[in-house]
Structure formats: structure tokens, C-alpha cells
Amino acid sequence: MRRLVDGDAKFETAGETFNFETANVLLLEQGAPGLDILVQIFAGFGTRNCYKSVTVEAAEGLARRCPLDLVVVDPALHGEDGLAFVRWLRRSGGEPNRTIPVIAVSANGARSAVSAARDAGVSHYLLKPIVPAVLFSRVVRVARETRAFVVAQSYVGPDRRFKSEGPPLGCGPRRASDLRGPAAKAPAPNLSQGEIDMMLKPQRANL
């Protein structure tokens, strides 16, 4: 989110500064009340450019016309799937919008709903009712993130792995960086915790 880290800082946290004033934020919500709440929250952050939409078609039109820094979307639109917009954005939204962070806000905390949002390309999932401090922490988190952007036949979006722990159990290698074949045996036994502690323990030197 380029405009969140440029310009005059509005917030400072952990030694970093964030400028929300010139950031372009697209809000896709199911109705005016929800949109008004989100606009008020982002106004409290200092954001002046909030683009509001209640339909996927309108959101796509806005994304085509405006360079964005963040999308906040409710998957449960009236008669529509809000995640359809996320899938469109990731595959057809054009540069640089297709790679921007997307935060889903939803009243549905079921595992299946979270998984569906993740697989659509959402960066983070936040449960309603929205707490401004929690939303702020998620925005700061996506501004700091360095996850790779993955483009594959079945998925486009931020790397769904938050940790470098290899593929899930029972799955073969799926990334170029994943180890292939059985791991070689260690050339020597592992150090015990006591041996590790002795290596790190300061020792007095006789001069």
C-alpha cells in the first residue's frame, strides 16, 4: 500500500509511520449502514479517499478507473457473492490493483467461509462487528507484509502460507522452493539443549 507509507505520517507504531490521508480505499458492503460505518472508521484513521460500492459490477468499474491501495469487502452481498469481485480483481483487475491487500469483513466465522475467502485471494479475514482498533491492526499488518504474490492455474493471490514450513502433510512439493525427495540424514547427532546452552553461555577468559 504505497500511500500508507509515504507522505506526512498520521500514525506511528513500532517505530514505523503510516499515512492514511491519501490512500485510496475501496469499500464493498451490502448496504448503506455498513458502508457508513466503514467510512467513519477510515475517516478516523485520516483517510479522505473512500470509494463506496454495494455491487460487484460497481466495484469492478471503480477498480478499472482508480489506482487502489486497499479493498475491504463483505463476502455476503445482497444477491451476490462479494468474493466474485476478489477473484476478478486478482485475475483481471490489472496492475497494480490485482496485487493490493484485500480484507474481508464478515459476520460468518465458519471455517468453510474463511477457507473460501482465503482461496479467492483475500489477504485477511475479519469478523463483524468491526472494532476500529482491530481493523487498524490488520491494515498495518498488510502494509508490513512481505508474502509473495502467487499466480497459478487454480489460485491467484497472496501466498496462503504464513510460515515457511513446506507443503501440508500428505502433499508433495508444490513450489520451486519446496524440498524434493527424502531429507538426507544428519552427519552428526543433534546437540543436546545443555550443549546449546553452553555454547551461548558467556565464559570468563584468562588474559
Protein backbone atom coordinates (compact mmCIF):
# COMPACT_ATOMS: atom_id res chain seq x y z
CA MET A 1 0.00 0.00 0.00
CA ARG A 2 2.27 2.69 -1.33
CA ARG A 3 0.34 5.72 0.01
CA LEU A 4 0.17 4.29 3.52
CA VAL A 5 3.90 4.64 4.00
CA ASP A 6 4.55 7.86 2.08
CA GLY A 7 3.95 11.50 2.92
CA ASP A 8 3.18 13.03 6.27
CA ALA A 9 2.56 10.34 8.84
CA LYS A 10 -0.80 10.13 10.52
CA PHE A 11 0.04 7.25 12.85
CA GLU A 12 3.24 5.86 14.27
CA THR A 13 3.53 2.33 15.62
CA ALA A 14 6.55 0.17 16.43
CA GLY A 15 8.86 2.83 15.03
CA GLU A 16 7.02 2.91 11.68
CA THR A 17 4.87 5.67 10.26
CA PHE A 18 1.68 5.26 8.24
CA ASN A 19 -0.13 7.89 6.20
CA PHE A 20 -3.80 7.13 5.60
CA GLU A 21 -4.70 10.57 4.26
CA THR A 22 -4.02 9.98 0.56
CA ALA A 23 -4.68 6.23 0.45
CA ASN A 24 -7.41 5.07 -1.96
CA VAL A 25 -9.67 2.56 -0.21
CA LEU A 26 -12.47 0.66 -1.96
CA LEU A 27 -15.32 -0.43 0.32
CA LEU A 28 -17.69 -3.13 -0.97
CA GLU A 29 -20.50 -3.64 1.53
CA GLN A 30 -24.04 -4.99 1.35
CA GLY A 31 -25.78 -1.73 2.26
CA ALA A 32 -25.53 1.92 3.21
CA PRO A 33 -25.38 1.37 7.01
CA GLY A 34 -22.35 -0.90 6.74
CA LEU A 35 -20.68 1.45 4.29
CA ASP A 36 -21.27 4.43 6.58
CA ILE A 37 -19.64 2.59 9.48
CA LEU A 38 -16.57 1.73 7.40
CA VAL A 39 -16.28 5.27 6.05
CA GLN A 40 -16.44 6.67 9.59
CA ILE A 41 -13.76 4.26 10.78
CA PHE A 42 -11.40 5.10 7.94
CA ALA A 43 -12.14 8.81 8.38
CA GLY A 44 -10.95 8.33 11.95
CA PHE A 45 -7.72 6.92 10.52
CA GLY A 46 -7.40 10.09 8.42
CA THR A 47 -8.44 8.56 5.08
CA ARG A 48 -10.08 11.02 2.69
CA ASN A 49 -10.49 8.80 -0.39
CA CYS A 50 -13.04 6.07 0.28
CA TYR A 51 -14.84 4.66 -2.77
CA LYS A 52 -18.16 3.09 -1.82
CA SER A 53 -19.94 0.28 -3.65
CA VAL A 54 -22.78 -2.16 -2.93
CA THR A 55 -22.49 -4.30 -6.09
CA VAL A 56 -19.72 -6.29 -7.72
CA GLU A 57 -20.28 -4.50 -11.03
CA ALA A 58 -19.85 -1.07 -9.46
CA ALA A 59 -16.75 -2.20 -7.60
CA GLU A 60 -15.21 -3.52 -10.82
CA GLY A 61 -15.90 -0.18 -12.52
CA LEU A 62 -14.19 1.71 -9.70
CA ALA A 63 -11.19 -0.64 -9.77
CA ARG A 64 -10.81 -0.10 -13.53
CA ARG A 65 -10.75 3.67 -13.12
CA CYS A 66 -8.81 4.20 -9.90
CA PRO A 67 -5.44 3.05 -8.58
CA LEU A 68 -6.24 1.48 -5.21
CA ASP A 69 -4.27 0.79 -2.04
CA LEU A 70 -6.72 -1.38 -0.11
CA VAL A 71 -10.03 -3.19 -0.59
CA VAL A 72 -12.43 -4.03 2.24
CA VAL A 73 -15.15 -6.42 1.11
CA ASP A 74 -18.13 -8.19 2.68
CA PRO A 75 -18.48 -11.62 1.01
CA ALA A 76 -22.27 -11.62 1.72
CA LEU A 77 -23.70 -9.01 -0.63
CA HIS A 78 -27.43 -8.87 -1.36
CA GLY A 79 -27.97 -11.44 -4.11
CA GLU A 80 -24.26 -11.52 -5.00
CA ASP A 81 -21.03 -13.13 -3.91
CA GLY A 82 -18.59 -10.47 -2.76
CA LEU A 83 -15.74 -12.92 -3.30
CA ALA A 84 -16.55 -12.86 -7.03
CA PHE A 85 -15.11 -9.35 -7.04
CA VAL A 86 -11.96 -10.57 -5.28
CA ARG A 87 -11.49 -13.35 -7.83
CA TRP A 88 -12.00 -10.85 -10.67
CA LEU A 89 -9.57 -8.38 -9.09
CA ARG A 90 -6.85 -11.00 -8.66
CA ARG A 91 -7.14 -12.31 -12.21
CA SER A 92 -8.37 -9.37 -14.29
CA GLY A 93 -8.00 -6.25 -12.17
CA GLY A 94 -4.85 -5.09 -13.93
CA GLU A 95 -1.67 -3.74 -12.44
CA PRO A 96 -1.12 -2.66 -9.76
CA ASN A 97 -4.62 -3.23 -8.35
CA ARG A 98 -4.61 -7.01 -8.68
CA THR A 99 -1.86 -7.34 -6.07
CA ILE A 100 -3.20 -4.91 -3.44
CA PRO A 101 -4.30 -6.15 0.00
CA VAL A 102 -7.91 -7.27 0.41
CA ILE A 103 -9.51 -7.55 3.85
CA ALA A 104 -12.79 -9.46 4.13
CA VAL A 105 -15.22 -8.35 6.85
CA SER A 106 -17.98 -10.82 7.60
CA ALA A 107 -20.43 -11.97 10.25
CA ASN A 108 -19.75 -15.58 9.22
CA GLY A 109 -16.94 -17.13 11.20
CA ALA A 110 -17.34 -20.69 9.89
CA ARG A 111 -14.16 -22.43 8.80
CA SER A 112 -15.66 -23.01 5.35
CA ALA A 113 -16.33 -19.27 4.93
CA VAL A 114 -12.80 -18.36 5.95
CA SER A 115 -11.33 -21.00 3.62
CA ALA A 116 -13.47 -19.77 0.70
CA ALA A 117 -12.24 -16.21 1.25
CA ARG A 118 -8.62 -17.34 1.51
CA ASP A 119 -8.91 -19.35 -1.70
CA ALA A 120 -10.45 -16.38 -3.51
CA GLY A 121 -7.32 -14.33 -2.75
CA VAL A 122 -8.26 -12.40 0.39
CA SER A 123 -5.29 -11.22 2.47
CA HIS A 124 -7.03 -11.24 5.88
CA TYR A 125 -10.44 -12.13 7.30
CA LEU A 126 -12.07 -10.01 10.00
CA LEU A 127 -15.27 -10.81 11.89
CA LYS A 128 -18.07 -8.33 12.46
CA PRO A 129 -18.92 -6.27 14.45
CA ILE A 130 -15.89 -4.27 13.35
CA VAL A 131 -13.70 -2.86 16.10
CA PRO A 132 -11.69 0.10 14.77
CA ALA A 133 -8.55 -0.84 16.69
CA VAL A 134 -8.64 -4.38 15.29
CA LEU A 135 -9.23 -3.15 11.74
CA PHE A 136 -6.36 -0.70 12.15
CA SER A 137 -4.06 -3.52 13.29
CA ARG A 138 -5.00 -5.58 10.21
CA VAL A 139 -4.35 -2.64 7.87
CA VAL A 140 -0.94 -2.08 9.45
CA ARG A 141 -0.25 -5.79 9.18
CA VAL A 142 -0.96 -5.96 5.45
CA ALA A 143 1.14 -2.82 4.94
CA ARG A 144 4.08 -4.63 6.55
CA GLU A 145 3.58 -7.99 4.85
CA THR A 146 6.17 -9.42 2.51
CA ARG A 147 4.27 -12.52 1.37
CA ALA A 148 4.86 -13.38 -2.26
CA PHE A 149 2.05 -12.91 -4.78
CA VAL A 150 1.21 -16.29 -6.32
CA VAL A 151 -0.10 -16.71 -9.88
CA ALA A 152 -1.15 -20.30 -10.62
CA GLN A 153 -3.83 -22.02 -12.66
CA SER A 154 -6.05 -22.67 -9.67
CA TYR A 155 -5.15 -19.72 -7.46
CA VAL A 156 -4.09 -16.07 -7.76
CA GLY A 157 -3.39 -14.04 -4.65
CA PRO A 158 -1.03 -13.63 -1.71
CA ASP A 159 0.85 -16.73 -0.61
CA ARG A 160 -1.54 -18.67 1.59
CA ARG A 161 1.35 -19.91 3.71
CA PHE A 162 2.19 -17.52 6.52
CA LYS A 163 5.16 -19.67 7.56
CA SER A 164 7.89 -21.39 5.54
CA GLU A 165 7.09 -24.90 6.73
CA GLY A 166 6.83 -26.65 3.37
CA PRO A 167 3.69 -28.22 1.88
CA PRO A 168 0.87 -29.55 4.08
CA LEU A 169 1.23 -33.07 5.45
CA GLY A 170 0.42 -35.71 2.86
CA CYS A 171 1.08 -33.36 -0.09
CA GLY A 172 4.05 -33.45 -2.40
CA PRO A 173 6.16 -30.39 -3.29
CA ARG A 174 4.14 -27.61 -4.92
CA ARG A 175 6.63 -24.75 -5.00
CA ALA A 176 10.05 -24.42 -6.57
CA SER A 177 11.43 -23.77 -3.08
CA ASP A 178 9.93 -26.96 -1.57
CA LEU A 179 12.36 -29.79 -0.88
CA ARG A 180 12.01 -32.78 -3.17
CA GLY A 181 12.84 -36.32 -2.16
CA PRO A 182 13.69 -37.59 1.32
CA ALA A 183 15.84 -35.41 3.50
CA ALA A 184 19.42 -36.59 3.98
CA LYS A 185 20.48 -37.91 7.36
CA ALA A 186 22.31 -35.51 9.63
CA PRO A 187 26.11 -36.06 9.52
CA ALA A 188 26.26 -35.93 13.32
CA PRO A 189 23.82 -36.27 16.23
CA ASN A 190 21.83 -33.21 17.18
CA LEU A 191 23.21 -31.11 20.01
CA SER A 192 21.51 -31.50 23.34
CA GLN A 193 19.86 -28.48 24.96
CA GLY A 194 22.67 -28.45 27.53
CA GLU A 195 25.34 -28.31 24.80
CA ILE A 196 23.49 -25.48 23.08
CA ASP A 197 23.25 -23.58 26.38
CA MET A 198 27.00 -24.00 26.97
CA MET A 199 27.75 -22.58 23.52
CA LEU A 200 25.67 -19.48 24.29
CA LYS A 201 26.77 -19.06 27.92
CA PRO A 202 29.33 -16.26 28.44
CA GLN A 203 32.68 -17.66 29.56
CA ARG A 204 35.38 -15.84 31.55
CA ALA A 205 38.61 -15.52 29.62
CA ASN A 206 42.01 -15.52 31.38
CA LEU A 207 44.25 -12.86 29.82
